[in-house]
Amino acid sequence: MVTSQNFQGGRLVSVFGGSKINLMSAQLAEGQHVLDTLSVFGGTTLIVPAGWSVKVEVTSIFGGFSDKRERMPNLVYDQNRVLLIKGLAIFGGGDVKSYGL
């Protein structure tokens, strides 16, 4: 579990395995921050707070990476704080999830 109150991105690598990163107790720093990911025959699950603005720009080759969060029409997404997920998924991938509000 990540508890940073000034989260500014990072790097995730999953090769022939997986990772699960829980950011529910973290606070995204102001601005756009990049989380660079590489998944080769593996995967990553990111759990983020429901109100985070997340953009996924992952190139996939026989894999995929998607934002599986349900959009809440009454929830205001903070556009001043954006998590940009960039990277590469080869025979692997990942997803972004959120639990509760």
Protein backbone atom coordinates (compact mmCIF):
# COMPACT_ATOMS: atom_id res chain seq x y z
CA MET A 1 0.00 0.00 0.00
CA VAL A 2 1.33 3.42 -0.98
CA THR A 3 0.62 6.17 1.56
CA SER A 4 2.44 9.14 0.01
CA GLN A 5 0.58 12.42 0.41
CA ASN A 6 2.51 13.83 -2.57
CA PHE A 7 2.52 10.94 -5.08
CA GLN A 8 4.41 11.90 -8.26
CA GLY A 9 4.39 8.72 -10.35
CA GLY A 10 7.06 6.10 -10.77
CA ARG A 11 7.98 2.98 -12.70
CA LEU A 12 6.46 -0.52 -12.67
CA VAL A 13 7.97 -3.60 -14.32
CA SER A 14 6.27 -7.01 -14.45
CA VAL A 15 8.05 -9.82 -16.30
CA PHE A 16 6.63 -13.34 -15.99
CA GLY A 17 4.75 -12.21 -12.89
CA GLY A 18 2.40 -9.61 -11.58
CA SER A 19 2.05 -6.69 -9.25
CA LYS A 20 -0.82 -5.07 -7.39
CA ILE A 21 -0.32 -1.47 -6.29
CA ASN A 22 -2.84 0.05 -3.89
CA LEU A 23 -2.91 3.86 -4.04
CA MET A 24 -6.16 4.30 -2.08
CA SER A 25 -4.34 5.97 0.84
CA ALA A 26 -2.19 8.18 -1.40
CA GLN A 27 -2.77 11.75 -2.52
CA LEU A 28 -1.77 12.72 -6.06
CA ALA A 29 0.47 15.79 -6.23
CA GLU A 30 -0.74 18.75 -8.26
CA GLY A 31 0.06 18.60 -11.97
CA GLN A 32 0.44 15.70 -14.39
CA HIS A 33 2.53 12.77 -13.20
CA VAL A 34 3.71 9.77 -15.21
CA LEU A 35 3.59 6.17 -14.06
CA ASP A 36 5.74 4.25 -16.54
CA THR A 37 4.84 0.59 -16.88
CA LEU A 38 6.32 -2.42 -18.66
CA SER A 39 4.49 -5.76 -18.67
CA VAL A 40 6.01 -8.74 -20.48
CA PHE A 41 4.17 -12.04 -19.91
CA GLY A 42 2.88 -10.44 -16.70
CA GLY A 43 0.48 -7.84 -15.43
CA THR A 44 -0.19 -4.94 -13.13
CA THR A 45 -3.29 -3.90 -11.20
CA LEU A 46 -3.48 -0.33 -9.95
CA ILE A 47 -6.09 0.55 -7.36
CA VAL A 48 -6.69 4.30 -7.24
CA PRO A 49 -9.19 6.58 -5.48
CA ALA A 50 -12.40 7.09 -7.47
CA GLY A 51 -11.86 10.84 -7.92
CA TRP A 52 -8.43 10.62 -9.56
CA SER A 53 -8.12 11.69 -13.20
CA VAL A 54 -6.28 8.88 -14.98
CA LYS A 55 -5.17 8.74 -18.61
CA VAL A 56 -3.88 5.47 -20.10
CA GLU A 57 -1.39 5.63 -22.97
CA VAL A 58 0.04 2.10 -23.04
CA THR A 59 1.11 0.44 -26.28
CA SER A 60 -0.06 -3.17 -26.36
CA ILE A 61 1.24 -6.10 -28.40
CA PHE A 62 -0.85 -9.24 -27.74
CA GLY A 63 -1.90 -7.69 -24.44
CA GLY A 64 -3.72 -4.69 -23.06
CA PHE A 65 -4.01 -2.07 -20.36
CA SER A 66 -7.34 -0.48 -19.48
CA ASP A 67 -9.14 1.76 -17.00
CA LYS A 68 -11.90 -0.47 -15.60
CA ARG A 69 -13.26 2.07 -13.14
CA GLU A 70 -16.97 2.78 -13.31
CA ARG A 71 -17.58 6.43 -14.17
CA MET A 72 -19.65 8.16 -11.51
CA PRO A 73 -21.72 10.96 -13.09
CA ASN A 74 -21.95 12.95 -9.83
CA LEU A 75 -18.24 12.66 -8.98
CA VAL A 76 -16.02 15.65 -9.75
CA TYR A 77 -12.65 14.59 -11.17
CA ASP A 78 -9.77 16.93 -10.27
CA GLN A 79 -8.30 18.00 -13.62
CA ASN A 80 -5.41 19.78 -11.83
CA ARG A 81 -4.06 16.41 -10.71
CA VAL A 82 -3.64 13.79 -13.45
CA LEU A 83 -1.97 10.39 -13.39
CA LEU A 84 -0.72 9.49 -16.87
CA ILE A 85 0.01 5.79 -17.29
CA LYS A 86 2.46 5.23 -20.16
CA GLY A 87 4.33 2.16 -21.22
CA LEU A 88 4.36 -1.13 -23.06
CA ALA A 89 2.44 -4.39 -22.63
CA ILE A 90 3.74 -7.43 -24.54
CA PHE A 91 1.79 -10.66 -23.96
CA GLY A 92 0.68 -9.04 -20.71
CA GLY A 93 -1.09 -5.97 -19.47
CA GLY A 94 -2.87 -4.38 -16.62
CA ASP A 95 -5.83 -2.44 -15.39
CA VAL A 96 -6.88 0.44 -13.20
CA LYS A 97 -9.55 -0.20 -10.57
CA SER A 98 -11.21 1.72 -7.78
CA TYR A 99 -13.14 0.47 -4.75
CA GLY A 100 -15.83 2.53 -3.09
CA LEU A 101 -15.94 6.29 -2.83
